[in-house]
Amino acid sequence: MREKMVGGKMSGDRLEKVLNEHAQQGWQLKAITTADVKGRIGPSGTEGLLVTFERSS
């Protein structure tokens, strides 16, 4: 997850909104990890969040 296509950090409010939306759909948060996300512009990446959810069937 990235808040913007180029640069920028994930705001706490945006992350909370995403987590709540998934919870309403029955998903349970399992882990949040920082990750380097390769960009489409240039060779460098940007820091993002890898958010892992689980849902029982």
Protein backbone atom coordinates (compact mmCIF):
# COMPACT_ATOMS: atom_id res chain seq x y z
CA MET A 1 0.00 0.00 0.00
CA ARG A 2 1.14 3.48 -0.85
CA GLU A 3 -0.85 6.63 -0.31
CA LYS A 4 0.42 8.31 -3.48
CA MET A 5 1.87 7.01 -6.73
CA VAL A 6 5.09 9.00 -6.31
CA GLY A 7 6.54 9.45 -2.83
CA GLY A 8 4.57 10.30 0.28
CA LYS A 9 4.00 8.23 3.38
CA MET A 10 0.87 6.36 4.40
CA SER A 11 -1.05 8.50 6.87
CA GLY A 12 -2.43 6.91 10.01
CA ASP A 13 -5.94 8.05 9.06
CA ARG A 14 -5.71 6.40 5.62
CA LEU A 15 -4.37 3.16 7.09
CA GLU A 16 -7.14 3.08 9.72
CA LYS A 17 -9.78 3.60 7.01
CA VAL A 18 -8.41 0.71 4.91
CA LEU A 19 -8.22 -1.63 7.94
CA ASN A 20 -11.79 -0.79 8.97
CA GLU A 21 -13.12 -1.31 5.44
CA HIS A 22 -11.56 -4.77 5.25
CA ALA A 23 -12.79 -5.67 8.76
CA GLN A 24 -16.36 -4.85 7.69
CA GLN A 25 -15.94 -7.37 4.85
CA GLY A 26 -14.87 -10.10 7.28
CA TRP A 27 -11.08 -9.82 6.90
CA GLN A 28 -8.82 -10.09 9.97
CA LEU A 29 -5.49 -8.28 10.10
CA LYS A 30 -2.57 -10.72 10.45
CA ALA A 31 0.52 -8.54 9.92
CA ILE A 32 1.82 -5.15 8.81
CA THR A 33 5.35 -4.99 7.46
CA THR A 34 7.33 -2.20 5.81
CA ALA A 35 8.45 -3.01 2.29
CA ASP A 36 10.38 -1.38 -0.53
CA VAL A 37 7.94 -0.98 -3.41
CA LYS A 38 9.55 -0.76 -6.82
CA GLY A 39 8.29 2.23 -8.74
CA ARG A 40 7.43 2.44 -12.41
CA ILE A 41 9.39 5.67 -12.70
CA GLY A 42 13.16 5.20 -12.49
CA PRO A 43 15.23 2.46 -10.85
CA SER A 44 14.58 3.41 -7.24
CA GLY A 45 11.74 2.26 -5.02
CA THR A 46 9.72 3.84 -2.28
CA GLU A 47 8.80 2.62 1.16
CA GLY A 48 5.33 1.14 1.48
CA LEU A 49 3.38 -1.19 3.72
CA LEU A 50 2.66 -4.84 3.12
CA VAL A 51 -0.64 -5.56 4.87
CA THR A 52 -1.67 -9.20 5.26
CA PHE A 53 -5.26 -10.19 5.96
CA GLU A 54 -6.96 -13.53 6.60
CA ARG A 55 -10.58 -14.52 6.25
CA SER A 56 -12.15 -17.80 7.39
CA SER A 57 -14.50 -19.51 5.02
